[in-house]
Amino acid sequence: MSRIDSRLELLAQQGRKALIPYIVAGDPLTEVTVPTMHAMVHAGADIIELGVPFSDPMAEGPVIQLAHERALAHKVSLRSVLAMVKEFRLQDQETPVVLMGYANPVEVMGYQPFAQQASDAGVDGVLIVDLPPEEGSELNAKLQQVGIHMIFLIAPTTTVDRARSICDVASGYLYYVSLKGVTGAGHLDVSSVQDKLADIRGLTELPICVGFGIRDAMSAKRIASLADGAVVGSVLVDKMAQLVKSGSMSHDEIASHVAAIIADMRQAMDRP
């Protein structure tokens, strides 16, 4: 059983929901990524989504777009990200890590080399934003060979037939995008999310985690009451950028500030 499956199964047995933070690898400073990953785990993160920097992150809002730009300015590549996961694994062999990015860097590396190197580094899941199921079968097959889940997005505009085809090929968990538009946009419509999740649950037994629009402990708690997990990204990425901009912060201090946000969300999600 994979780390993702084991973690989500354990949480379900405990009656708890997954807290899944997202940060962009190498942003805002290359050296802060791994310490922040560890700090988030200690604060209660269950799975970490690590953004792979890309020059045209079309699904992202301004906050995360800037994070990709900063990481690329630091020369952070897909190989760099795999090296960060490998470094993380020196101290943490249990927390699942999911790479979230775009198809081009993976295609440049090659599906087979990517799958093998990701496995060797300790990656547990891959979410390629711009690779739809009908175009992802080759990569999915390579990932399955090394025990890595391929995770897919479902949006509010996804039709039932389309959602069914996504559910048929996805593994690990499904990532439901709670808002139309890009990351960091709009406000949560909880009733709409609830209705859509009910539709999706009729199509699959996979856990469903919800992202986009989760900005604080209260919104994390509201989503956790409906879904199997809550994904939080923009608020963390923005916090890290602001801390670096303010200056005089060590890597560990930046990590601790991010961890404090995670801890507040964890407490809220676990509170009856």
C-alpha atoms as a PDB file:
ATOM      1  CA  MET A   1       0.000   0.000   0.000  1.00  0.00           C
ATOM      2  CA  SER A   2       1.338   3.446  -0.928  1.00  0.00           C
ATOM      3  CA  ARG A   3       2.024   6.212   1.583  1.00  0.00           C
ATOM      4  CA  ILE A   4      -0.974   8.143   0.214  1.00  0.00           C
ATOM      5  CA  ASP A   5      -3.336   5.188   0.579  1.00  0.00           C
ATOM      6  CA  SER A   6      -2.045   4.389   4.062  1.00  0.00           C
ATOM      7  CA  ARG A   7      -2.342   7.976   5.273  1.00  0.00           C
ATOM      8  CA  LEU A   8      -5.850   8.531   3.932  1.00  0.00           C
ATOM      9  CA  GLU A   9      -7.036   5.168   5.230  1.00  0.00           C
ATOM     10  CA  LEU A  10      -5.648   5.920   8.706  1.00  0.00           C
ATOM     11  CA  LEU A  11      -7.320   9.340   8.744  1.00  0.00           C
ATOM     12  CA  ALA A  12     -10.642   7.774   7.713  1.00  0.00           C
ATOM     13  CA  GLN A  13     -10.342   5.244  10.548  1.00  0.00           C
ATOM     14  CA  GLN A  14      -9.693   8.110  12.970  1.00  0.00           C
ATOM     15  CA  GLY A  15     -12.608  10.142  11.636  1.00  0.00           C
ATOM     16  CA  ARG A  16     -10.218  12.939  10.642  1.00  0.00           C
ATOM     17  CA  LYS A  17      -9.613  14.767   7.370  1.00  0.00           C
ATOM     18  CA  ALA A  18      -6.398  15.316   5.433  1.00  0.00           C
ATOM     19  CA  LEU A  19      -4.695  18.697   5.571  1.00  0.00           C
ATOM     20  CA  ILE A  20      -2.667  19.140   2.385  1.00  0.00           C
ATOM     21  CA  PRO A  21      -0.478  22.254   2.107  1.00  0.00           C
ATOM     22  CA  TYR A  22       0.936  23.360  -1.240  1.00  0.00           C
ATOM     23  CA  ILE A  23       4.110  25.382  -1.681  1.00  0.00           C
ATOM     24  CA  VAL A  24       6.218  26.042  -4.767  1.00  0.00           C
ATOM     25  CA  ALA A  25       9.588  24.299  -4.618  1.00  0.00           C
ATOM     26  CA  GLY A  26      12.426  26.811  -4.422  1.00  0.00           C
ATOM     27  CA  ASP A  27      10.227  29.765  -3.516  1.00  0.00           C
ATOM     28  CA  PRO A  28      10.878  32.295  -2.107  1.00  0.00           C
ATOM     29  CA  LEU A  29      14.364  30.941  -1.365  1.00  0.00           C
ATOM     30  CA  THR A  30      15.714  27.609  -2.526  1.00  0.00           C
ATOM     31  CA  GLU A  31      17.030  26.680   0.922  1.00  0.00           C
ATOM     32  CA  VAL A  32      13.710  27.233   2.699  1.00  0.00           C
ATOM     33  CA  THR A  33      11.667  24.531   0.940  1.00  0.00           C
ATOM     34  CA  VAL A  34      12.775  21.412   2.825  1.00  0.00           C
ATOM     35  CA  PRO A  35      12.733  23.051   6.292  1.00  0.00           C
ATOM     36  CA  THR A  36       9.229  24.324   5.542  1.00  0.00           C
ATOM     37  CA  MET A  37       8.096  20.848   4.491  1.00  0.00           C
ATOM     38  CA  HIS A  38       9.302  19.401   7.789  1.00  0.00           C
ATOM     39  CA  ALA A  39       7.772  22.254   9.809  1.00  0.00           C
ATOM     40  CA  MET A  40       4.384  21.777   8.131  1.00  0.00           C
ATOM     41  CA  VAL A  41       4.430  18.071   8.935  1.00  0.00           C
ATOM     42  CA  HIS A  42       5.208  18.773  12.583  1.00  0.00           C
ATOM     43  CA  ALA A  43       2.305  21.264  12.613  1.00  0.00           C
ATOM     44  CA  GLY A  44      -0.188  18.663  11.365  1.00  0.00           C
ATOM     45  CA  ALA A  45       0.096  18.426   7.565  1.00  0.00           C
ATOM     46  CA  ASP A  46      -0.828  14.975   6.259  1.00  0.00           C
ATOM     47  CA  ILE A  47       0.269  15.181   2.622  1.00  0.00           C
ATOM     48  CA  ILE A  48       2.496  17.795   0.985  1.00  0.00           C
ATOM     49  CA  GLU A  49       1.892  19.085  -2.524  1.00  0.00           C
ATOM     50  CA  LEU A  50       5.065  20.527  -3.986  1.00  0.00           C
ATOM     51  CA  GLY A  51       4.718  22.828  -6.980  1.00  0.00           C
ATOM     52  CA  VAL A  52       7.199  22.289  -9.814  1.00  0.00           C
ATOM     53  CA  PRO A  53       8.192  25.714 -11.199  1.00  0.00           C
ATOM     54  CA  PHE A  54       7.071  26.391 -14.769  1.00  0.00           C
ATOM     55  CA  SER A  55       7.254  29.417 -17.034  1.00  0.00           C
ATOM     56  CA  ASP A  56       3.546  29.436 -17.929  1.00  0.00           C
ATOM     57  CA  PRO A  57       1.546  28.225 -14.889  1.00  0.00           C
ATOM     58  CA  MET A  58      -1.815  28.915 -16.504  1.00  0.00           C
ATOM     59  CA  ALA A  59      -3.995  27.495 -13.714  1.00  0.00           C
ATOM     60  CA  GLU A  60      -2.451  29.720 -11.080  1.00  0.00           C
ATOM     61  CA  GLY A  61      -3.475  33.105  -9.780  1.00  0.00           C
ATOM     62  CA  PRO A  62      -1.076  36.048  -9.349  1.00  0.00           C
ATOM     63  CA  VAL A  63       0.329  34.894  -5.979  1.00  0.00           C
ATOM     64  CA  ILE A  64       1.452  31.491  -7.202  1.00  0.00           C
ATOM     65  CA  GLN A  65       2.461  32.767 -10.642  1.00  0.00           C
ATOM     66  CA  LEU A  66       4.944  35.060  -8.923  1.00  0.00           C
ATOM     67  CA  ALA A  67       6.173  32.138  -6.851  1.00  0.00           C
ATOM     68  CA  HIS A  68       6.916  30.183 -10.026  1.00  0.00           C
ATOM     69  CA  GLU A  69       8.782  33.189 -11.414  1.00  0.00           C
ATOM     70  CA  ARG A  70      10.885  33.548  -8.267  1.00  0.00           C
ATOM     71  CA  ALA A  71      11.725  29.832  -8.207  1.00  0.00           C
ATOM     72  CA  LEU A  72      12.737  29.888 -11.869  1.00  0.00           C
ATOM     73  CA  ALA A  73      14.928  32.925 -11.161  1.00  0.00           C
ATOM     74  CA  HIS A  74      16.700  30.698  -8.609  1.00  0.00           C
ATOM     75  CA  LYS A  75      17.245  28.145 -11.419  1.00  0.00           C
ATOM     76  CA  VAL A  76      14.956  25.572  -9.784  1.00  0.00           C
ATOM     77  CA  SER A  77      14.202  22.768 -12.249  1.00  0.00           C
ATOM     78  CA  LEU A  78      12.308  19.493 -12.103  1.00  0.00           C
ATOM     79  CA  ARG A  79      15.581  17.783 -11.189  1.00  0.00           C
ATOM     80  CA  SER A  80      16.045  20.312  -8.382  1.00  0.00           C
ATOM     81  CA  VAL A  81      12.598  19.497  -7.041  1.00  0.00           C
ATOM     82  CA  LEU A  82      13.330  15.767  -7.055  1.00  0.00           C
ATOM     83  CA  ALA A  83      16.535  16.501  -5.149  1.00  0.00           C
ATOM     84  CA  MET A  84      14.499  18.408  -2.533  1.00  0.00           C
ATOM     85  CA  VAL A  85      12.146  15.447  -2.096  1.00  0.00           C
ATOM     86  CA  LYS A  86      15.145  13.153  -1.720  1.00  0.00           C
ATOM     87  CA  GLU A  87      16.562  15.460   0.960  1.00  0.00           C
ATOM     88  CA  PHE A  88      13.190  15.535   2.733  1.00  0.00           C
ATOM     89  CA  ARG A  89      13.150  11.731   2.768  1.00  0.00           C
ATOM     90  CA  LEU A  90      16.393  11.617   4.764  1.00  0.00           C
ATOM     91  CA  GLN A  91      14.344  12.572   7.831  1.00  0.00           C
ATOM     92  CA  ASP A  92      10.780  11.693   6.842  1.00  0.00           C
ATOM     93  CA  GLN A  93       9.912   8.355   5.287  1.00  0.00           C
ATOM     94  CA  GLU A  94       6.211   8.521   6.110  1.00  0.00           C
ATOM     95  CA  THR A  95       4.628  11.751   4.857  1.00  0.00           C
ATOM     96  CA  PRO A  96       3.288  11.467   1.303  1.00  0.00           C
ATOM     97  CA  VAL A  97       4.639  13.969  -1.233  1.00  0.00           C
ATOM     98  CA  VAL A  98       2.777  14.894  -4.415  1.00  0.00           C
ATOM     99  CA  LEU A  99       4.362  16.862  -7.249  1.00  0.00           C
ATOM    100  CA  MET A 100       1.964  19.326  -8.870  1.00  0.00           C
ATOM    101  CA  GLY A 101       3.039  20.893 -12.133  1.00  0.00           C
ATOM    102  CA  TYR A 102       2.780  21.033 -15.893  1.00  0.00           C
ATOM    103  CA  ALA A 103       3.505  18.568 -18.666  1.00  0.00           C
ATOM    104  CA  ASN A 104       6.430  20.239 -20.442  1.00  0.00           C
ATOM    105  CA  PRO A 105       9.202  19.593 -17.864  1.00  0.00           C
ATOM    106  CA  VAL A 106       8.107  15.967 -17.536  1.00  0.00           C
ATOM    107  CA  GLU A 107       7.994  15.477 -21.305  1.00  0.00           C
ATOM    108  CA  VAL A 108      11.455  17.014 -21.673  1.00  0.00           C
ATOM    109  CA  MET A 109      12.854  14.585 -19.097  1.00  0.00           C
ATOM    110  CA  GLY A 110      10.909  11.674 -20.619  1.00  0.00           C
ATOM    111  CA  TYR A 111       8.116   9.704 -18.985  1.00  0.00           C
ATOM    112  CA  GLN A 112      10.187   6.640 -18.097  1.00  0.00           C
ATOM    113  CA  PRO A 113      13.169   8.561 -16.632  1.00  0.00           C
ATOM    114  CA  PHE A 114      10.818  10.865 -14.745  1.00  0.00           C
ATOM    115  CA  ALA A 115       8.839   8.006 -13.244  1.00  0.00           C
ATOM    116  CA  GLN A 116      11.987   6.182 -12.152  1.00  0.00           C
ATOM    117  CA  GLN A 117      13.708   9.266 -10.738  1.00  0.00           C
ATOM    118  CA  ALA A 118      10.543  10.368  -8.953  1.00  0.00           C
ATOM    119  CA  SER A 119      10.248   6.929  -7.390  1.00  0.00           C
ATOM    120  CA  ASP A 120      13.895   6.933  -6.376  1.00  0.00           C
ATOM    121  CA  ALA A 121      13.454  10.359  -4.747  1.00  0.00           C
ATOM    122  CA  GLY A 122      10.405   9.256  -2.756  1.00  0.00           C
ATOM    123  CA  VAL A 123       7.546  10.890  -4.657  1.00  0.00           C
ATOM    124  CA  ASP A 124       4.129   9.330  -4.014  1.00  0.00           C
ATOM    125  CA  GLY A 125       1.832  11.135  -6.439  1.00  0.00           C
ATOM    126  CA  VAL A 126       1.896  13.351  -9.506  1.00  0.00           C
ATOM    127  CA  LEU A 127      -0.697  15.888 -10.616  1.00  0.00           C
ATOM    128  CA  ILE A 128      -0.107  17.337 -14.076  1.00  0.00           C
ATOM    129  CA  VAL A 129      -2.479  20.268 -14.491  1.00  0.00           C
ATOM    130  CA  ASP A 130      -2.449  20.418 -18.297  1.00  0.00           C
ATOM    131  CA  LEU A 131      -2.398  16.692 -19.053  1.00  0.00           C
ATOM    132  CA  PRO A 132      -5.991  15.418 -19.425  1.00  0.00           C
ATOM    133  CA  PRO A 133      -6.787  11.734 -18.860  1.00  0.00           C
ATOM    134  CA  GLU A 134      -7.015  10.873 -22.545  1.00  0.00           C
ATOM    135  CA  GLU A 135      -3.493  12.228 -23.089  1.00  0.00           C
ATOM    136  CA  GLY A 136      -2.007  10.937 -19.858  1.00  0.00           C
ATOM    137  CA  SER A 137      -2.298   7.185 -20.305  1.00  0.00           C
ATOM    138  CA  GLU A 138       1.375   6.683 -21.218  1.00  0.00           C
ATOM    139  CA  LEU A 139       2.649   8.637 -18.219  1.00  0.00           C
ATOM    140  CA  ASN A 140       0.081   6.985 -15.964  1.00  0.00           C
ATOM    141  CA  ALA A 141       1.297   3.555 -17.041  1.00  0.00           C
ATOM    142  CA  LYS A 142       4.923   4.468 -16.279  1.00  0.00           C
ATOM    143  CA  LEU A 143       3.947   5.854 -12.870  1.00  0.00           C
ATOM    144  CA  GLN A 144       1.890   2.779 -12.011  1.00  0.00           C
ATOM    145  CA  GLN A 145       4.921   0.588 -12.721  1.00  0.00           C
ATOM    146  CA  VAL A 146       6.820   2.316  -9.904  1.00  0.00           C
ATOM    147  CA  GLY A 147       3.869   2.671  -7.526  1.00  0.00           C
ATOM    148  CA  ILE A 148       3.204   6.391  -7.983  1.00  0.00           C
ATOM    149  CA  HIS A 149      -0.373   7.655  -8.109  1.00  0.00           C
ATOM    150  CA  MET A 150      -1.565   9.927 -10.902  1.00  0.00           C
ATOM    151  CA  ILE A 151      -3.980  12.442  -9.431  1.00  0.00           C
ATOM    152  CA  PHE A 152      -6.470  14.408 -11.508  1.00  0.00           C
ATOM    153  CA  LEU A 153      -8.459  17.614 -11.114  1.00  0.00           C
ATOM    154  CA  ILE A 154     -12.229  17.893 -11.317  1.00  0.00           C
ATOM    155  CA  ALA A 155     -13.703  21.375 -11.701  1.00  0.00           C
ATOM    156  CA  PRO A 156     -17.164  22.855 -11.028  1.00  0.00           C
ATOM    157  CA  THR A 157     -17.738  22.892 -14.802  1.00  0.00           C
ATOM    158  CA  THR A 158     -16.808  19.219 -15.289  1.00  0.00           C
ATOM    159  CA  THR A 159     -19.752  17.239 -16.652  1.00  0.00           C
ATOM    160  CA  VAL A 160     -20.839  13.945 -15.086  1.00  0.00           C
ATOM    161  CA  ASP A 161     -19.608  11.947 -18.095  1.00  0.00           C
ATOM    162  CA  ARG A 162     -16.280  13.729 -17.995  1.00  0.00           C
ATOM    163  CA  ALA A 163     -15.969  13.217 -14.242  1.00  0.00           C
ATOM    164  CA  ARG A 164     -16.680   9.521 -14.723  1.00  0.00           C
ATOM    165  CA  SER A 165     -13.853   9.196 -17.256  1.00  0.00           C
ATOM    166  CA  ILE A 166     -11.492  10.985 -14.869  1.00  0.00           C
ATOM    167  CA  CYS A 167     -12.486   8.750 -11.962  1.00  0.00           C
ATOM    168  CA  ASP A 168     -11.829   5.674 -14.083  1.00  0.00           C
ATOM    169  CA  VAL A 169      -8.114   6.486 -14.471  1.00  0.00           C
ATOM    170  CA  ALA A 170      -7.304   8.463 -11.311  1.00  0.00           C
ATOM    171  CA  SER A 171      -5.713   6.962  -8.223  1.00  0.00           C
ATOM    172  CA  GLY A 172      -4.661   8.137  -4.777  1.00  0.00           C
ATOM    173  CA  TYR A 173      -7.284  10.840  -4.443  1.00  0.00           C
ATOM    174  CA  LEU A 174      -9.241  13.272  -6.565  1.00  0.00           C
ATOM    175  CA  TYR A 175      -8.557  17.004  -6.361  1.00  0.00           C
ATOM    176  CA  TYR A 176     -11.801  18.953  -6.614  1.00  0.00           C
ATOM    177  CA  VAL A 177     -11.335  22.603  -7.577  1.00  0.00           C
ATOM    178  CA  SER A 178     -13.911  24.462  -5.506  1.00  0.00           C
ATOM    179  CA  LEU A 179     -13.938  27.633  -7.629  1.00  0.00           C
ATOM    180  CA  LYS A 180     -14.109  28.572 -11.256  1.00  0.00           C
ATOM    181  CA  GLY A 181     -10.967  30.362 -12.355  1.00  0.00           C
ATOM    182  CA  VAL A 182      -7.402  30.293 -11.054  1.00  0.00           C
ATOM    183  CA  THR A 183      -5.871  29.625  -7.645  1.00  0.00           C
ATOM    184  CA  GLY A 184      -6.495  32.305  -5.056  1.00  0.00           C
ATOM    185  CA  ALA A 185      -9.612  33.612  -6.784  1.00  0.00           C
ATOM    186  CA  GLY A 186     -13.125  34.146  -5.491  1.00  0.00           C
ATOM    187  CA  HIS A 187     -14.875  32.968  -2.352  1.00  0.00           C
ATOM    188  CA  LEU A 188     -16.035  29.532  -1.292  1.00  0.00           C
ATOM    189  CA  ASP A 189     -19.597  28.547  -2.103  1.00  0.00           C
ATOM    190  CA  VAL A 190     -19.939  25.693   0.369  1.00  0.00           C
ATOM    191  CA  SER A 191     -23.385  24.572  -0.799  1.00  0.00           C
ATOM    192  CA  SER A 192     -22.154  24.317  -4.385  1.00  0.00           C
ATOM    193  CA  VAL A 193     -19.146  22.285  -3.250  1.00  0.00           C
ATOM    194  CA  GLN A 194     -21.397  19.993  -1.239  1.00  0.00           C
ATOM    195  CA  ASP A 195     -23.658  19.327  -4.223  1.00  0.00           C
ATOM    196  CA  LYS A 196     -20.757  18.623  -6.558  1.00  0.00           C
ATOM    197  CA  LEU A 197     -19.040  16.297  -4.102  1.00  0.00           C
ATOM    198  CA  ALA A 198     -22.245  14.295  -3.781  1.00  0.00           C
ATOM    199  CA  ASP A 199     -22.255  13.828  -7.564  1.00  0.00           C
ATOM    200  CA  ILE A 200     -18.611  12.755  -7.635  1.00  0.00           C
ATOM    201  CA  ARG A 201     -19.040  10.301  -4.755  1.00  0.00           C
ATOM    202  CA  GLY A 202     -21.621   8.523  -6.864  1.00  0.00           C
ATOM    203  CA  LEU A 203     -18.878   7.814  -9.409  1.00  0.00           C
ATOM    204  CA  THR A 204     -15.931   6.676  -7.300  1.00  0.00           C
ATOM    205  CA  GLU A 205     -14.739   5.397  -3.942  1.00  0.00           C
ATOM    206  CA  LEU A 206     -11.552   7.455  -4.132  1.00  0.00           C
ATOM    207  CA  PRO A 207     -11.089  10.098  -1.421  1.00  0.00           C
ATOM    208  CA  ILE A 208     -11.919  13.614  -2.607  1.00  0.00           C
ATOM    209  CA  CYS A 209      -9.793  16.546  -1.474  1.00  0.00           C
ATOM    210  CA  VAL A 210     -10.835  20.133  -2.140  1.00  0.00           C
ATOM    211  CA  GLY A 211      -8.611  23.085  -2.943  1.00  0.00           C
ATOM    212  CA  PHE A 212      -8.844  26.722  -4.109  1.00  0.00           C
ATOM    213  CA  GLY A 213     -10.350  29.321  -1.775  1.00  0.00           C
ATOM    214  CA  ILE A 214      -9.137  27.873   1.531  1.00  0.00           C
ATOM    215  CA  ARG A 215      -7.516  30.815   3.269  1.00  0.00           C
ATOM    216  CA  ASP A 216      -7.866  30.343   7.016  1.00  0.00           C
ATOM    217  CA  ALA A 217      -8.824  27.933   9.775  1.00  0.00           C
ATOM    218  CA  MET A 218     -12.552  28.494   9.326  1.00  0.00           C
ATOM    219  CA  SER A 219     -12.598  27.817   5.579  1.00  0.00           C
ATOM    220  CA  ALA A 220     -10.424  24.721   6.134  1.00  0.00           C
ATOM    221  CA  LYS A 221     -12.882  23.456   8.739  1.00  0.00           C
ATOM    222  CA  ARG A 222     -15.880  24.074   6.475  1.00  0.00           C
ATOM    223  CA  ILE A 223     -14.312  22.144   3.626  1.00  0.00           C
ATOM    224  CA  ALA A 224     -13.175  19.349   5.961  1.00  0.00           C
ATOM    225  CA  SER A 225     -16.789  18.873   7.025  1.00  0.00           C
ATOM    226  CA  LEU A 226     -17.641  17.978   3.410  1.00  0.00           C
ATOM    227  CA  ALA A 227     -14.550  16.458   1.834  1.00  0.00           C
ATOM    228  CA  ASP A 228     -11.861  13.937   2.717  1.00  0.00           C
ATOM    229  CA  GLY A 229      -9.191  16.614   2.711  1.00  0.00           C
ATOM    230  CA  ALA A 230      -8.483  20.320   2.343  1.00  0.00           C
ATOM    231  CA  VAL A 231      -5.719  21.708   0.117  1.00  0.00           C
ATOM    232  CA  VAL A 232      -4.288  25.101   1.035  1.00  0.00           C
ATOM    233  CA  GLY A 233      -1.774  26.966  -1.094  1.00  0.00           C
ATOM    234  CA  SER A 234      -1.967  30.666  -1.915  1.00  0.00           C
ATOM    235  CA  VAL A 235      -2.098  31.873   1.692  1.00  0.00           C
ATOM    236  CA  LEU A 236       1.084  29.930   2.491  1.00  0.00           C
ATOM    237  CA  VAL A 237       2.926  31.051  -0.627  1.00  0.00           C
ATOM    238  CA  ASP A 238       1.967  34.666  -0.002  1.00  0.00           C
ATOM    239  CA  LYS A 239       3.053  34.478   3.643  1.00  0.00           C
ATOM    240  CA  MET A 240       6.473  33.157   2.713  1.00  0.00           C
ATOM    241  CA  ALA A 241       6.973  35.862   0.106  1.00  0.00           C
ATOM    242  CA  GLN A 242       6.002  38.620   2.541  1.00  0.00           C
ATOM    243  CA  LEU A 243       8.361  37.294   5.209  1.00  0.00           C
ATOM    244  CA  VAL A 244      11.305  37.255   2.845  1.00  0.00           C
ATOM    245  CA  LYS A 245      10.426  40.731   1.611  1.00  0.00           C
ATOM    246  CA  SER A 246      10.451  42.014   5.189  1.00  0.00           C
ATOM    247  CA  GLY A 247      14.020  40.730   5.617  1.00  0.00           C
ATOM    248  CA  SER A 248      16.011  39.522   8.627  1.00  0.00           C
ATOM    249  CA  MET A 249      14.232  36.136   8.760  1.00  0.00           C
ATOM    250  CA  SER A 250      16.113  32.850   8.937  1.00  0.00           C
ATOM    251  CA  HIS A 251      14.946  29.812   7.003  1.00  0.00           C
ATOM    252  CA  ASP A 252      13.710  28.197  10.197  1.00  0.00           C
ATOM    253  CA  GLU A 253      11.800  31.340  11.184  1.00  0.00           C
ATOM    254  CA  ILE A 254      10.050  31.442   7.816  1.00  0.00           C
ATOM    255  CA  ALA A 255       9.180  27.760   8.177  1.00  0.00           C
ATOM    256  CA  SER A 256       7.789  28.319  11.671  1.00  0.00           C
ATOM    257  CA  HIS A 257       5.485  31.129  10.508  1.00  0.00           C
ATOM    258  CA  VAL A 258       4.067  28.875   7.779  1.00  0.00           C
ATOM    259  CA  ALA A 259       3.726  26.040  10.271  1.00  0.00           C
ATOM    260  CA  ALA A 260       1.675  28.294  12.549  1.00  0.00           C
ATOM    261  CA  ILE A 261      -0.938  28.703   9.792  1.00  0.00           C
ATOM    262  CA  ILE A 262      -1.044  24.932   9.331  1.00  0.00           C
ATOM    263  CA  ALA A 263      -1.371  24.363  13.077  1.00  0.00           C
ATOM    264  CA  ASP A 264      -4.389  26.711  13.275  1.00  0.00           C
ATOM    265  CA  MET A 265      -6.059  24.869  10.396  1.00  0.00           C
ATOM    266  CA  ARG A 266      -5.277  21.468  11.894  1.00  0.00           C
ATOM    267  CA  GLN A 267      -6.800  22.438  15.221  1.00  0.00           C
ATOM    268  CA  ALA A 268      -9.913  23.825  13.573  1.00  0.00           C
ATOM    269  CA  MET A 269     -10.363  20.751  11.370  1.00  0.00           C
ATOM    270  CA  ASP A 270     -10.007  18.394  14.329  1.00  0.00           C
ATOM    271  CA  ARG A 271     -12.359  20.348  16.580  1.00  0.00           C
ATOM    272  CA  PRO A 272     -15.883  18.856  16.816  1.00  0.00           C
END
